[in-house]
PDB file of all heavy atoms in Angstrom:
ATOM      1  N   THR A   1      -7.207   7.318  11.779  1.00  0.00           N
ATOM      2  CA  THR A   1      -7.486   7.919  13.081  1.00  0.00           C
ATOM      3  C   THR A   1      -6.889   7.037  14.175  1.00  0.00           C
ATOM      4  O   THR A   1      -6.526   5.874  13.946  1.00  0.00           O
ATOM      5  CB  THR A   1      -9.001   8.044  13.318  1.00  0.00           C
ATOM      6  OG1 THR A   1      -9.562   6.724  13.395  1.00  0.00           O
ATOM      7  CG2 THR A   1      -9.663   8.831  12.208  1.00  0.00           C
ATOM      8  N   ALA A   2      -6.791   7.592  15.366  1.00  0.00           N
ATOM      9  CA  ALA A   2      -6.270   6.822  16.502  1.00  0.00           C
ATOM     10  C   ALA A   2      -7.133   5.597  16.762  1.00  0.00           C
ATOM     11  O   ALA A   2      -6.619   4.511  17.065  1.00  0.00           O
ATOM     12  CB  ALA A   2      -6.211   7.712  17.740  1.00  0.00           C
ATOM     13  N   ASP A   3      -8.448   5.743  16.623  1.00  0.00           N
ATOM     14  CA  ASP A   3      -9.362   4.606  16.844  1.00  0.00           C
ATOM     15  C   ASP A   3      -9.132   3.509  15.808  1.00  0.00           C
ATOM     16  O   ASP A   3      -9.132   2.318  16.137  1.00  0.00           O
ATOM     17  CB  ASP A   3     -10.818   5.076  16.795  1.00  0.00           C
ATOM     18  CG  ASP A   3     -11.208   5.887  18.018  1.00  0.00           C
ATOM     19  OD1 ASP A   3     -10.484   5.782  19.040  1.00  0.00           O
ATOM     20  OD2 ASP A   3     -12.208   6.619  17.956  1.00  0.00           O
ATOM     21  N   GLU A   4      -8.939   3.909  14.572  1.00  0.00           N
ATOM     22  CA  GLU A   4      -8.701   2.921  13.515  1.00  0.00           C
ATOM     23  C   GLU A   4      -7.414   2.138  13.769  1.00  0.00           C
ATOM     24  O   GLU A   4      -7.376   0.906  13.615  1.00  0.00           O
ATOM     25  CB  GLU A   4      -8.614   3.625  12.156  1.00  0.00           C
ATOM     26  CG  GLU A   4      -9.955   4.141  11.640  1.00  0.00           C
ATOM     27  CD  GLU A   4      -9.827   5.009  10.403  1.00  0.00           C
ATOM     28  OE1 GLU A   4      -8.695   5.463  10.085  1.00  0.00           O
ATOM     29  OE2 GLU A   4     -10.859   5.241   9.744  1.00  0.00           O
ATOM     30  N   LEU A   5      -6.381   2.837  14.188  1.00  0.00           N
ATOM     31  CA  LEU A   5      -5.105   2.171  14.453  1.00  0.00           C
ATOM     32  C   LEU A   5      -5.197   1.269  15.680  1.00  0.00           C
ATOM     33  O   LEU A   5      -4.627   0.176  15.706  1.00  0.00           O
ATOM     34  CB  LEU A   5      -3.995   3.206  14.628  1.00  0.00           C
ATOM     35  CG  LEU A   5      -3.625   4.002  13.366  1.00  0.00           C
ATOM     36  CD1 LEU A   5      -2.583   5.059  13.687  1.00  0.00           C
ATOM     37  CD2 LEU A   5      -3.116   3.083  12.271  1.00  0.00           C
ATOM     38  N   ASN A   6      -5.926   1.722  16.711  1.00  0.00           N
ATOM     39  CA  ASN A   6      -6.108   0.884  17.903  1.00  0.00           C
ATOM     40  C   ASN A   6      -6.862  -0.395  17.573  1.00  0.00           C
ATOM     41  O   ASN A   6      -6.557  -1.469  18.092  1.00  0.00           O
ATOM     42  CB  ASN A   6      -6.858   1.662  18.993  1.00  0.00           C
ATOM     43  CG  ASN A   6      -5.976   2.657  19.710  1.00  0.00           C
ATOM     44  OD1 ASN A   6      -4.759   2.457  19.786  1.00  0.00           O
ATOM     45  ND2 ASN A   6      -6.554   3.724  20.226  1.00  0.00           N
ATOM     46  N   THR A   7      -7.846  -0.278  16.697  1.00  0.00           N
ATOM     47  CA  THR A   7      -8.599  -1.468  16.276  1.00  0.00           C
ATOM     48  C   THR A   7      -7.665  -2.460  15.591  1.00  0.00           C
ATOM     49  O   THR A   7      -7.720  -3.674  15.858  1.00  0.00           O
ATOM     50  CB  THR A   7      -9.733  -1.069  15.316  1.00  0.00           C
ATOM     51  OG1 THR A   7     -10.635  -0.201  16.005  1.00  0.00           O
ATOM     52  CG2 THR A   7     -10.485  -2.304  14.832  1.00  0.00           C
ATOM     53  N   LYS A   8      -6.800  -1.961  14.716  1.00  0.00           N
ATOM     54  CA  LYS A   8      -5.846  -2.828  14.029  1.00  0.00           C
ATOM     55  C   LYS A   8      -4.887  -3.505  15.017  1.00  0.00           C
ATOM     56  O   LYS A   8      -4.570  -4.696  14.884  1.00  0.00           O
ATOM     57  CB  LYS A   8      -5.037  -2.015  13.008  1.00  0.00           C
ATOM     58  CG  LYS A   8      -5.843  -1.566  11.784  1.00  0.00           C
ATOM     59  CD  LYS A   8      -6.215  -2.766  10.909  1.00  0.00           C
ATOM     60  CE  LYS A   8      -6.955  -2.330   9.651  1.00  0.00           C
ATOM     61  NZ  LYS A   8      -7.377  -3.499   8.841  1.00  0.00           N
ATOM     62  N   ARG A   9      -4.437  -2.743  16.001  1.00  0.00           N
ATOM     63  CA  ARG A   9      -3.520  -3.314  16.989  1.00  0.00           C
ATOM     64  C   ARG A   9      -4.193  -4.435  17.770  1.00  0.00           C
ATOM     65  O   ARG A   9      -3.589  -5.485  18.020  1.00  0.00           O
ATOM     66  CB  ARG A   9      -3.026  -2.218  17.946  1.00  0.00           C
ATOM     67  CG  ARG A   9      -2.086  -1.225  17.307  1.00  0.00           C
ATOM     68  CD  ARG A   9      -1.429  -0.317  18.341  1.00  0.00           C
ATOM     69  NE  ARG A   9      -0.644   0.716  17.682  1.00  0.00           N
ATOM     70  CZ  ARG A   9      -1.072   1.936  17.398  1.00  0.00           C
ATOM     71  NH1 ARG A   9      -2.309   2.299  17.745  1.00  0.00           N
ATOM     72  NH2 ARG A   9      -0.299   2.814  16.795  1.00  0.00           N
ATOM     73  N   LYS A  10      -5.435  -4.220  18.167  1.00  0.00           N
ATOM     74  CA  LYS A  10      -6.160  -5.234  18.931  1.00  0.00           C
ATOM     75  C   LYS A  10      -6.404  -6.493  18.100  1.00  0.00           C
ATOM     76  O   LYS A  10      -6.344  -7.616  18.614  1.00  0.00           O
ATOM     77  CB  LYS A  10      -7.487  -4.663  19.426  1.00  0.00           C
ATOM     78  CG  LYS A  10      -7.307  -3.636  20.546  1.00  0.00           C
ATOM     79  CD  LYS A  10      -8.630  -3.021  20.988  1.00  0.00           C
ATOM     80  CE  LYS A  10      -8.422  -1.992  22.079  1.00  0.00           C
ATOM     81  NZ  LYS A  10      -9.696  -1.336  22.486  1.00  0.00           N
ATOM     82  N   GLU A  11      -6.685  -6.313  16.813  1.00  0.00           N
ATOM     83  CA  GLU A  11      -6.880  -7.464  15.935  1.00  0.00           C
ATOM     84  C   GLU A  11      -5.605  -8.298  15.858  1.00  0.00           C
ATOM     85  O   GLU A  11      -5.637  -9.527  15.896  1.00  0.00           O
ATOM     86  CB  GLU A  11      -7.279  -6.993  14.530  1.00  0.00           C
ATOM     87  CG  GLU A  11      -8.684  -6.428  14.442  1.00  0.00           C
ATOM     88  CD  GLU A  11      -8.976  -5.831  13.060  1.00  0.00           C
ATOM     89  OE1 GLU A  11      -8.043  -5.840  12.200  1.00  0.00           O
ATOM     90  OE2 GLU A  11     -10.114  -5.363  12.843  1.00  0.00           O
ATOM     91  N   HIS A  12      -4.463  -7.606  15.756  1.00  0.00           N
ATOM     92  CA  HIS A  12      -3.189  -8.324  15.697  1.00  0.00           C
ATOM     93  C   HIS A  12      -2.876  -9.001  17.029  1.00  0.00           C
ATOM     94  O   HIS A  12      -2.371 -10.134  17.053  1.00  0.00           O
ATOM     95  CB  HIS A  12      -2.063  -7.357  15.320  1.00  0.00           C
ATOM     96  CG  HIS A  12      -1.975  -7.061  13.856  1.00  0.00           C
ATOM     97  ND1 HIS A  12      -2.935  -6.336  13.176  1.00  0.00           N
ATOM     98  CD2 HIS A  12      -1.055  -7.432  12.919  1.00  0.00           C
ATOM     99  CE1 HIS A  12      -2.603  -6.240  11.900  1.00  0.00           C
ATOM    100  NE2 HIS A  12      -1.470  -6.905  11.709  1.00  0.00           N
ATOM    101  N   GLU A  13      -3.154  -8.298  18.154  1.00  0.00           N
ATOM    102  CA  GLU A  13      -2.906  -8.886  19.467  1.00  0.00           C
ATOM    103  C   GLU A  13      -3.731 -10.146  19.672  1.00  0.00           C
ATOM    104  O   GLU A  13      -3.262 -11.125  20.278  1.00  0.00           O
ATOM    105  CB  GLU A  13      -3.228  -7.864  20.564  1.00  0.00           C
ATOM    106  CG  GLU A  13      -2.212  -6.732  20.666  1.00  0.00           C
ATOM    107  CD  GLU A  13      -2.651  -5.632  21.620  1.00  0.00           C
ATOM    108  OE1 GLU A  13      -3.699  -5.814  22.279  1.00  0.00           O
ATOM    109  OE2 GLU A  13      -1.959  -4.600  21.694  1.00  0.00           O
ATOM    110  N   ALA A  14      -4.975 -10.128  19.171  1.00  0.00           N
ATOM    111  CA  ALA A  14      -5.846 -11.305  19.299  1.00  0.00           C
ATOM    112  C   ALA A  14      -5.245 -12.508  18.575  1.00  0.00           C
ATOM    113  O   ALA A  14      -5.449 -13.658  18.975  1.00  0.00           O
ATOM    114  CB  ALA A  14      -7.228 -10.995  18.736  1.00  0.00           C
ATOM    115  N   ASN A  15      -4.502 -12.230  17.517  1.00  0.00           N
ATOM    116  CA  ASN A  15      -3.834 -13.301  16.763  1.00  0.00           C
ATOM    117  C   ASN A  15      -2.383 -13.495  17.208  1.00  0.00           C
ATOM    118  O   ASN A  15      -1.604 -14.184  16.532  1.00  0.00           O
ATOM    119  CB  ASN A  15      -3.864 -12.982  15.265  1.00  0.00           C
ATOM    120  CG  ASN A  15      -5.270 -12.967  14.709  1.00  0.00           C
ATOM    121  OD1 ASN A  15      -6.099 -13.796  15.087  1.00  0.00           O
ATOM    122  ND2 ASN A  15      -5.556 -12.026  13.812  1.00  0.00           N
ATOM    123  N   LYS A  16      -2.048 -12.870  18.362  1.00  0.00           N
ATOM    124  CA  LYS A  16      -0.698 -12.948  18.928  1.00  0.00           C
ATOM    125  C   LYS A  16       0.353 -12.466  17.917  1.00  0.00           C
ATOM    126  O   LYS A  16       1.416 -13.065  17.756  1.00  0.00           O
ATOM    127  CB  LYS A  16      -0.386 -14.374  19.392  1.00  0.00           C
ATOM    128  CG  LYS A  16      -1.284 -14.842  20.533  1.00  0.00           C
ATOM    129  CD  LYS A  16      -0.907 -16.213  21.038  1.00  0.00           C
ATOM    130  CE  LYS A  16      -1.820 -16.594  22.211  1.00  0.00           C
ATOM    131  NZ  LYS A  16      -1.510 -17.945  22.732  1.00  0.00           N
ATOM    132  N   GLU A  17       0.029 -11.341  17.275  1.00  0.00           N
ATOM    133  CA  GLU A  17       0.917 -10.718  16.315  1.00  0.00           C
ATOM    134  C   GLU A  17       1.148  -9.258  16.718  1.00  0.00           C
ATOM    135  O   GLU A  17       0.381  -8.684  17.489  1.00  0.00           O
ATOM    136  CB  GLU A  17       0.313 -10.759  14.902  1.00  0.00           C
ATOM    137  CG  GLU A  17       0.110 -12.160  14.349  1.00  0.00           C
ATOM    138  CD  GLU A  17      -0.635 -12.161  13.023  1.00  0.00           C
ATOM    139  OE1 GLU A  17      -1.303 -11.129  12.719  1.00  0.00           O
ATOM    140  OE2 GLU A  17      -0.573 -13.173  12.320  1.00  0.00           O
ATOM    141  N   THR A  18       2.206  -8.677  16.192  1.00  0.00           N
ATOM    142  CA  THR A  18       2.508  -7.268  16.451  1.00  0.00           C
ATOM    143  C   THR A  18       2.130  -6.445  15.225  1.00  0.00           C
ATOM    144  O   THR A  18       2.504  -6.798  14.098  1.00  0.00           O
ATOM    145  CB  THR A  18       4.002  -7.069  16.761  1.00  0.00           C
ATOM    146  OG1 THR A  18       4.350  -7.847  17.895  1.00  0.00           O
ATOM    147  CG2 THR A  18       4.304  -5.595  17.035  1.00  0.00           C
ATOM    148  N   PHE A  19       1.368  -5.388  15.449  1.00  0.00           N
ATOM    149  CA  PHE A  19       0.948  -4.527  14.338  1.00  0.00           C
ATOM    150  C   PHE A  19       2.099  -3.613  13.926  1.00  0.00           C
ATOM    151  O   PHE A  19       2.651  -2.870  14.738  1.00  0.00           O
ATOM    152  CB  PHE A  19      -0.257  -3.686  14.750  1.00  0.00           C
ATOM    153  CG  PHE A  19      -0.659  -2.658  13.717  1.00  0.00           C
ATOM    154  CD1 PHE A  19      -1.251  -3.057  12.530  1.00  0.00           C
ATOM    155  CD2 PHE A  19      -0.437  -1.306  13.927  1.00  0.00           C
ATOM    156  CE1 PHE A  19      -1.614  -2.118  11.566  1.00  0.00           C
ATOM    157  CE2 PHE A  19      -0.801  -0.363  12.976  1.00  0.00           C
ATOM    158  CZ  PHE A  19      -1.397  -0.783  11.790  1.00  0.00           C
ATOM    159  N   ILE A  20       2.480  -3.705  12.665  1.00  0.00           N
ATOM    160  CA  ILE A  20       3.498  -2.824  12.095  1.00  0.00           C
ATOM    161  C   ILE A  20       2.912  -2.170  10.849  1.00  0.00           C
ATOM    162  O   ILE A  20       2.416  -2.857   9.952  1.00  0.00           O
ATOM    163  CB  ILE A  20       4.780  -3.598  11.711  1.00  0.00           C
ATOM    164  CG1 ILE A  20       5.378  -4.311  12.929  1.00  0.00           C
ATOM    165  CG2 ILE A  20       5.817  -2.655  11.104  1.00  0.00           C
ATOM    166  CD1 ILE A  20       6.594  -5.150  12.606  1.00  0.00           C
ATOM    167  N   TYR A  21       2.963  -0.857  10.800  1.00  0.00           N
ATOM    168  CA  TYR A  21       2.451  -0.109   9.659  1.00  0.00           C
ATOM    169  C   TYR A  21       3.576  -0.025   8.629  1.00  0.00           C
ATOM    170  O   TYR A  21       4.497   0.781   8.766  1.00  0.00           O
ATOM    171  CB  TYR A  21       2.044   1.296  10.132  1.00  0.00           C
ATOM    172  CG  TYR A  21       1.082   2.054   9.239  1.00  0.00           C
ATOM    173  CD1 TYR A  21      -0.071   2.621   9.776  1.00  0.00           C
ATOM    174  CD2 TYR A  21       1.324   2.234   7.889  1.00  0.00           C
ATOM    175  CE1 TYR A  21      -0.968   3.340   8.982  1.00  0.00           C
ATOM    176  CE2 TYR A  21       0.447   2.943   7.079  1.00  0.00           C
ATOM    177  CZ  TYR A  21      -0.695   3.490   7.626  1.00  0.00           C
ATOM    178  OH  TYR A  21      -1.563   4.196   6.829  1.00  0.00           O
ATOM    179  N   ASN A  22       3.537  -0.892   7.603  1.00  0.00           N
ATOM    180  CA  ASN A  22       4.582  -0.842   6.579  1.00  0.00           C
ATOM    181  C   ASN A  22       4.121  -1.502   5.274  1.00  0.00           C
ATOM    182  O   ASN A  22       2.913  -1.606   5.028  1.00  0.00           O
ATOM    183  CB  ASN A  22       5.888  -1.442   7.105  1.00  0.00           C
ATOM    184  CG  ASN A  22       5.811  -2.936   7.360  1.00  0.00           C
ATOM    185  OD1 ASN A  22       4.789  -3.580   7.123  1.00  0.00           O
ATOM    186  ND2 ASN A  22       6.904  -3.494   7.845  1.00  0.00           N
ATOM    187  N   TRP A  23       5.062  -1.994   4.489  1.00  0.00           N
ATOM    188  CA  TRP A  23       4.794  -2.492   3.146  1.00  0.00           C
ATOM    189  C   TRP A  23       3.725  -3.583   3.099  1.00  0.00           C
ATOM    190  O   TRP A  23       3.000  -3.699   2.122  1.00  0.00           O
ATOM    191  CB  TRP A  23       6.090  -3.042   2.537  1.00  0.00           C
ATOM    192  CG  TRP A  23       6.661  -4.195   3.347  1.00  0.00           C
ATOM    193  CD1 TRP A  23       7.498  -4.103   4.409  1.00  0.00           C
ATOM    194  CD2 TRP A  23       6.378  -5.573   3.165  1.00  0.00           C
ATOM    195  NE1 TRP A  23       7.775  -5.339   4.918  1.00  0.00           N
ATOM    196  CE2 TRP A  23       7.102  -6.273   4.166  1.00  0.00           C
ATOM    197  CE3 TRP A  23       5.596  -6.314   2.265  1.00  0.00           C
ATOM    198  CZ2 TRP A  23       7.064  -7.658   4.295  1.00  0.00           C
ATOM    199  CZ3 TRP A  23       5.558  -7.693   2.393  1.00  0.00           C
ATOM    200  CH2 TRP A  23       6.292  -8.355   3.391  1.00  0.00           C
ATOM    201  N   HIS A  24       3.611  -4.389   4.164  1.00  0.00           N
ATOM    202  CA  HIS A  24       2.742  -5.556   4.077  1.00  0.00           C
ATOM    203  C   HIS A  24       1.258  -5.218   4.276  1.00  0.00           C
ATOM    204  O   HIS A  24       0.391  -6.025   3.963  1.00  0.00           O
ATOM    205  CB  HIS A  24       3.186  -6.641   5.073  1.00  0.00           C
ATOM    206  CG  HIS A  24       2.660  -6.484   6.463  1.00  0.00           C
ATOM    207  ND1 HIS A  24       3.168  -5.575   7.351  1.00  0.00           N
ATOM    208  CD2 HIS A  24       1.642  -7.126   7.105  1.00  0.00           C
ATOM    209  CE1 HIS A  24       2.513  -5.668   8.491  1.00  0.00           C
ATOM    210  NE2 HIS A  24       1.578  -6.593   8.373  1.00  0.00           N
ATOM    211  N   ASN A  25       0.967  -3.996   4.786  1.00  0.00           N
ATOM    212  CA  ASN A  25      -0.449  -3.675   5.016  1.00  0.00           C
ATOM    213  C   ASN A  25      -0.827  -2.239   4.625  1.00  0.00           C
ATOM    214  O   ASN A  25      -1.989  -1.857   4.740  1.00  0.00           O
ATOM    215  CB  ASN A  25      -0.827  -3.931   6.484  1.00  0.00           C
ATOM    216  CG  ASN A  25      -0.026  -3.052   7.443  1.00  0.00           C
ATOM    217  OD1 ASN A  25       0.717  -2.168   7.035  1.00  0.00           O
ATOM    218  ND2 ASN A  25      -0.170  -3.330   8.732  1.00  0.00           N
ATOM    219  N   ARG A  26       0.124  -1.437   4.183  1.00  0.00           N
ATOM    220  CA  ARG A  26      -0.208  -0.023   3.970  1.00  0.00           C
ATOM    221  C   ARG A  26      -1.235   0.196   2.839  1.00  0.00           C
ATOM    222  O   ARG A  26      -1.972   1.192   2.866  1.00  0.00           O
ATOM    223  CB  ARG A  26       1.059   0.796   3.727  1.00  0.00           C
ATOM    224  CG  ARG A  26       1.923   0.385   2.566  1.00  0.00           C
ATOM    225  CD  ARG A  26       3.296   1.079   2.657  1.00  0.00           C
ATOM    226  NE  ARG A  26       4.235   0.577   1.662  1.00  0.00           N
ATOM    227  CZ  ARG A  26       5.563   0.569   1.840  1.00  0.00           C
ATOM    228  NH1 ARG A  26       6.089   1.031   2.967  1.00  0.00           N
ATOM    229  NH2 ARG A  26       6.352   0.116   0.901  1.00  0.00           N
ATOM    230  N   LEU A  27      -1.287  -0.701   1.893  1.00  0.00           N
ATOM    231  CA  LEU A  27      -2.282  -0.554   0.817  1.00  0.00           C
ATOM    232  C   LEU A  27      -3.692  -0.882   1.283  1.00  0.00           C
ATOM    233  O   LEU A  27      -4.670  -0.616   0.569  1.00  0.00           O
ATOM    234  CB  LEU A  27      -1.899  -1.439  -0.369  1.00  0.00           C
ATOM    235  CG  LEU A  27      -0.621  -1.036  -1.111  1.00  0.00           C
ATOM    236  CD1 LEU A  27      -0.346  -1.985  -2.275  1.00  0.00           C
ATOM    237  CD2 LEU A  27      -0.713   0.399  -1.615  1.00  0.00           C
ATOM    238  N   GLU A  28      -3.798  -1.434   2.509  1.00  0.00           N
ATOM    239  CA  GLU A  28      -5.111  -1.750   3.073  1.00  0.00           C
ATOM    240  C   GLU A  28      -5.568  -0.693   4.077  1.00  0.00           C
ATOM    241  O   GLU A  28      -6.667  -0.781   4.621  1.00  0.00           O
ATOM    242  CB  GLU A  28      -5.054  -3.108   3.788  1.00  0.00           C
ATOM    243  CG  GLU A  28      -4.578  -4.250   2.898  1.00  0.00           C
ATOM    244  CD  GLU A  28      -4.180  -5.473   3.707  1.00  0.00           C
ATOM    245  OE1 GLU A  28      -4.449  -5.474   4.940  1.00  0.00           O
ATOM    246  OE2 GLU A  28      -3.600  -6.413   3.128  1.00  0.00           O
ATOM    247  N   LEU A  29      -4.716   0.282   4.343  1.00  0.00           N
ATOM    248  CA  LEU A  29      -5.011   1.289   5.362  1.00  0.00           C
ATOM    249  C   LEU A  29      -5.407   2.613   4.717  1.00  0.00           C
ATOM    250  O   LEU A  29      -5.410   2.764   3.496  1.00  0.00           O
ATOM    251  CB  LEU A  29      -3.797   1.434   6.283  1.00  0.00           C
ATOM    252  CG  LEU A  29      -3.438   0.140   7.051  1.00  0.00           C
ATOM    253  CD1 LEU A  29      -2.087   0.260   7.739  1.00  0.00           C
ATOM    254  CD2 LEU A  29      -4.521  -0.183   8.086  1.00  0.00           C
ATOM    255  N   ASN A  30      -5.728   3.575   5.569  1.00  0.00           N
ATOM    256  CA  ASN A  30      -6.328   4.834   5.119  1.00  0.00           C
ATOM    257  C   ASN A  30      -5.246   5.860   4.795  1.00  0.00           C
ATOM    258  O   ASN A  30      -4.928   6.735   5.605  1.00  0.00           O
ATOM    259  CB  ASN A  30      -7.268   5.335   6.223  1.00  0.00           C
ATOM    260  CG  ASN A  30      -8.117   6.517   5.774  1.00  0.00           C
ATOM    261  OD1 ASN A  30      -8.124   6.873   4.605  1.00  0.00           O
ATOM    262  ND2 ASN A  30      -8.817   7.126   6.714  1.00  0.00           N
ATOM    263  N   ASN A  31      -4.637   5.761   3.610  1.00  0.00           N
ATOM    264  CA  ASN A  31      -3.533   6.647   3.263  1.00  0.00           C
ATOM    265  C   ASN A  31      -3.520   6.945   1.769  1.00  0.00           C
ATOM    266  O   ASN A  31      -4.321   6.403   1.000  1.00  0.00           O
ATOM    267  CB  ASN A  31      -2.211   6.028   3.704  1.00  0.00           C
ATOM    268  CG  ASN A  31      -1.997   4.651   3.109  1.00  0.00           C
ATOM    269  OD1 ASN A  31      -1.977   4.494   1.895  1.00  0.00           O
ATOM    270  ND2 ASN A  31      -1.862   3.646   3.968  1.00  0.00           N
ATOM    271  N   SER A  32      -2.604   7.809   1.369  1.00  0.00           N
ATOM    272  CA  SER A  32      -2.577   8.257  -0.023  1.00  0.00           C
ATOM    273  C   SER A  32      -2.063   7.194  -0.981  1.00  0.00           C
ATOM    274  O   SER A  32      -2.128   7.384  -2.206  1.00  0.00           O
ATOM    275  CB  SER A  32      -1.721   9.527  -0.151  1.00  0.00           C
ATOM    276  OG  SER A  32      -0.398   9.294   0.300  1.00  0.00           O
ATOM    277  N   LEU A  33      -1.549   6.093  -0.464  1.00  0.00           N
ATOM    278  CA  LEU A  33      -1.129   4.992  -1.335  1.00  0.00           C
ATOM    279  C   LEU A  33      -2.307   4.100  -1.709  1.00  0.00           C
ATOM    280  O   LEU A  33      -2.321   3.499  -2.785  1.00  0.00           O
ATOM    281  CB  LEU A  33      -0.052   4.152  -0.632  1.00  0.00           C
ATOM    282  CG  LEU A  33       1.247   4.873  -0.259  1.00  0.00           C
ATOM    283  CD1 LEU A  33       2.184   3.925   0.476  1.00  0.00           C
ATOM    284  CD2 LEU A  33       1.933   5.455  -1.487  1.00  0.00           C
ATOM    285  N   SER A  34      -3.276   4.022  -0.798  1.00  0.00           N
ATOM    286  CA  SER A  34      -4.436   3.155  -1.036  1.00  0.00           C
ATOM    287  C   SER A  34      -5.630   3.912  -1.626  1.00  0.00           C
ATOM    288  O   SER A  34      -6.533   3.301  -2.212  1.00  0.00           O
ATOM    289  CB  SER A  34      -4.862   2.486   0.271  1.00  0.00           C
ATOM    290  OG  SER A  34      -5.274   3.464   1.217  1.00  0.00           O
ATOM    291  N   LEU A  35      -5.631   5.230  -1.478  1.00  0.00           N
ATOM    292  CA  LEU A  35      -6.752   6.051  -1.956  1.00  0.00           C
ATOM    293  C   LEU A  35      -6.439   6.636  -3.334  1.00  0.00           C
ATOM    294  O   LEU A  35      -5.269   6.787  -3.712  1.00  0.00           O
ATOM    295  CB  LEU A  35      -7.021   7.187  -0.964  1.00  0.00           C
ATOM    296  CG  LEU A  35      -7.423   6.780   0.463  1.00  0.00           C
ATOM    297  CD1 LEU A  35      -7.401   8.002   1.379  1.00  0.00           C
ATOM    298  CD2 LEU A  35      -8.809   6.135   0.471  1.00  0.00           C
ATOM    299  N   SER A  36      -7.476   7.031  -4.023  1.00  0.00           N
ATOM    300  CA  SER A  36      -7.285   7.683  -5.325  1.00  0.00           C
ATOM    301  C   SER A  36      -6.768   9.104  -5.107  1.00  0.00           C
ATOM    302  O   SER A  36      -6.914   9.683  -4.022  1.00  0.00           O
ATOM    303  CB  SER A  36      -8.610   7.744  -6.080  1.00  0.00           C
ATOM    304  OG  SER A  36      -9.532   8.600  -5.410  1.00  0.00           O
ATOM    305  N   ALA A  37      -6.181   9.667  -6.142  1.00  0.00           N
ATOM    306  CA  ALA A  37      -5.671  11.038  -6.065  1.00  0.00           C
ATOM    307  C   ALA A  37      -6.783  12.018  -5.739  1.00  0.00           C
ATOM    308  O   ALA A  37      -6.584  12.984  -4.978  1.00  0.00           O
ATOM    309  CB  ALA A  37      -4.997  11.409  -7.383  1.00  0.00           C
ATOM    310  N   GLU A  38      -7.993  11.747  -6.286  1.00  0.00           N
ATOM    311  CA  GLU A  38      -9.135  12.636  -6.023  1.00  0.00           C
ATOM    312  C   GLU A  38      -9.529  12.573  -4.550  1.00  0.00           C
ATOM    313  O   GLU A  38      -9.834  13.605  -3.927  1.00  0.00           O
ATOM    314  CB  GLU A  38     -10.318  12.251  -6.906  1.00  0.00           C
ATOM    315  CG  GLU A  38     -10.118  12.490  -8.392  1.00  0.00           C
ATOM    316  CD  GLU A  38      -9.244  11.431  -9.052  1.00  0.00           C
ATOM    317  OE1 GLU A  38      -8.983  10.379  -8.404  1.00  0.00           O
ATOM    318  OE2 GLU A  38      -8.817  11.655 -10.199  1.00  0.00           O
ATOM    319  N   ALA A  39      -9.563  11.374  -4.019  1.00  0.00           N
ATOM    320  CA  ALA A  39      -9.951  11.199  -2.610  1.00  0.00           C
ATOM    321  C   ALA A  39      -8.944  11.864  -1.679  1.00  0.00           C
ATOM    322  O   ALA A  39      -9.318  12.485  -0.679  1.00  0.00           O
ATOM    323  CB  ALA A  39     -10.082   9.712  -2.283  1.00  0.00           C
ATOM    324  N   VAL A  40      -7.684  11.729  -2.018  1.00  0.00           N
ATOM    325  CA  VAL A  40      -6.634  12.350  -1.198  1.00  0.00           C
ATOM    326  C   VAL A  40      -6.778  13.866  -1.240  1.00  0.00           C
ATOM    327  O   VAL A  40      -6.717  14.539  -0.198  1.00  0.00           O
ATOM    328  CB  VAL A  40      -5.229  11.929  -1.690  1.00  0.00           C
ATOM    329  CG1 VAL A  40      -4.142  12.734  -0.977  1.00  0.00           C
ATOM    330  CG2 VAL A  40      -5.020  10.440  -1.481  1.00  0.00           C
ATOM    331  N   LYS A  41      -6.983  14.419  -2.429  1.00  0.00           N
ATOM    332  CA  LYS A  41      -7.128  15.869  -2.564  1.00  0.00           C
ATOM    333  C   LYS A  41      -8.332  16.365  -1.772  1.00  0.00           C
ATOM    334  O   LYS A  41      -8.267  17.411  -1.104  1.00  0.00           O
ATOM    335  CB  LYS A  41      -7.276  16.241  -4.034  1.00  0.00           C
ATOM    336  CG  LYS A  41      -7.316  17.749  -4.295  1.00  0.00           C
ATOM    337  CD  LYS A  41      -7.396  18.052  -5.780  1.00  0.00           C
ATOM    338  CE  LYS A  41      -7.298  19.560  -6.044  1.00  0.00           C
ATOM    339  NZ  LYS A  41      -8.306  20.344  -5.333  1.00  0.00           N
ATOM    340  N   ALA A  42      -9.421  15.611  -1.813  1.00  0.00           N
ATOM    341  CA  ALA A  42     -10.631  16.015  -1.092  1.00  0.00           C
ATOM    342  C   ALA A  42     -10.370  16.048   0.410  1.00  0.00           C
ATOM    343  O   ALA A  42     -10.823  16.960   1.118  1.00  0.00           O
ATOM    344  CB  ALA A  42     -11.768  15.051  -1.413  1.00  0.00           C
ATOM    345  N   LYS A  43      -9.655  15.055   0.902  1.00  0.00           N
ATOM    346  CA  LYS A  43      -9.345  15.010   2.334  1.00  0.00           C
ATOM    347  C   LYS A  43      -8.454  16.186   2.742  1.00  0.00           C
ATOM    348  O   LYS A  43      -8.663  16.829   3.777  1.00  0.00           O
ATOM    349  CB  LYS A  43      -8.661  13.678   2.690  1.00  0.00           C
ATOM    350  CG  LYS A  43      -9.593  12.475   2.728  1.00  0.00           C
ATOM    351  CD  LYS A  43      -8.809  11.191   3.040  1.00  0.00           C
ATOM    352  CE  LYS A  43      -9.743   9.994   3.161  1.00  0.00           C
ATOM    353  NZ  LYS A  43     -10.546  10.045   4.410  1.00  0.00           N
ATOM    354  N   LEU A  44      -7.458  16.461   1.930  1.00  0.00           N
ATOM    355  CA  LEU A  44      -6.558  17.577   2.233  1.00  0.00           C
ATOM    356  C   LEU A  44      -7.297  18.910   2.166  1.00  0.00           C
ATOM    357  O   LEU A  44      -7.113  19.777   3.039  1.00  0.00           O
ATOM    358  CB  LEU A  44      -5.374  17.579   1.267  1.00  0.00           C
ATOM    359  CG  LEU A  44      -4.411  16.381   1.353  1.00  0.00           C
ATOM    360  CD1 LEU A  44      -3.353  16.475   0.246  1.00  0.00           C
ATOM    361  CD2 LEU A  44      -3.728  16.339   2.715  1.00  0.00           C
ATOM    362  N   ASP A  45      -8.130  19.081   1.133  1.00  0.00           N
ATOM    363  CA  ASP A  45      -8.872  20.342   0.970  1.00  0.00           C
ATOM    364  C   ASP A  45      -9.853  20.570   2.106  1.00  0.00           C
ATOM    365  O   ASP A  45     -10.140  21.720   2.475  1.00  0.00           O
ATOM    366  CB  ASP A  45      -9.612  20.343  -0.369  1.00  0.00           C
ATOM    367  CG  ASP A  45      -8.667  20.450  -1.558  1.00  0.00           C
ATOM    368  OD1 ASP A  45      -7.488  20.809  -1.336  1.00  0.00           O
ATOM    369  OD2 ASP A  45      -9.096  20.163  -2.699  1.00  0.00           O
TER     370      ASP A  45
END
C-alpha cells in the first residue's frame, strides 16, 4: 500500500539512505515473490 511504501521510505531517510524497490529488498516486501502462491491467489481473488 502507499502507507507501507511511505513507511519504508521514511525508515531509509532516517538512515540517510534512498529507498529502492528491487533485488535487495523485494523478498521482504508485500509481493508475489515473498508470499506463497496460495496467499497471492487469495489476494487476487
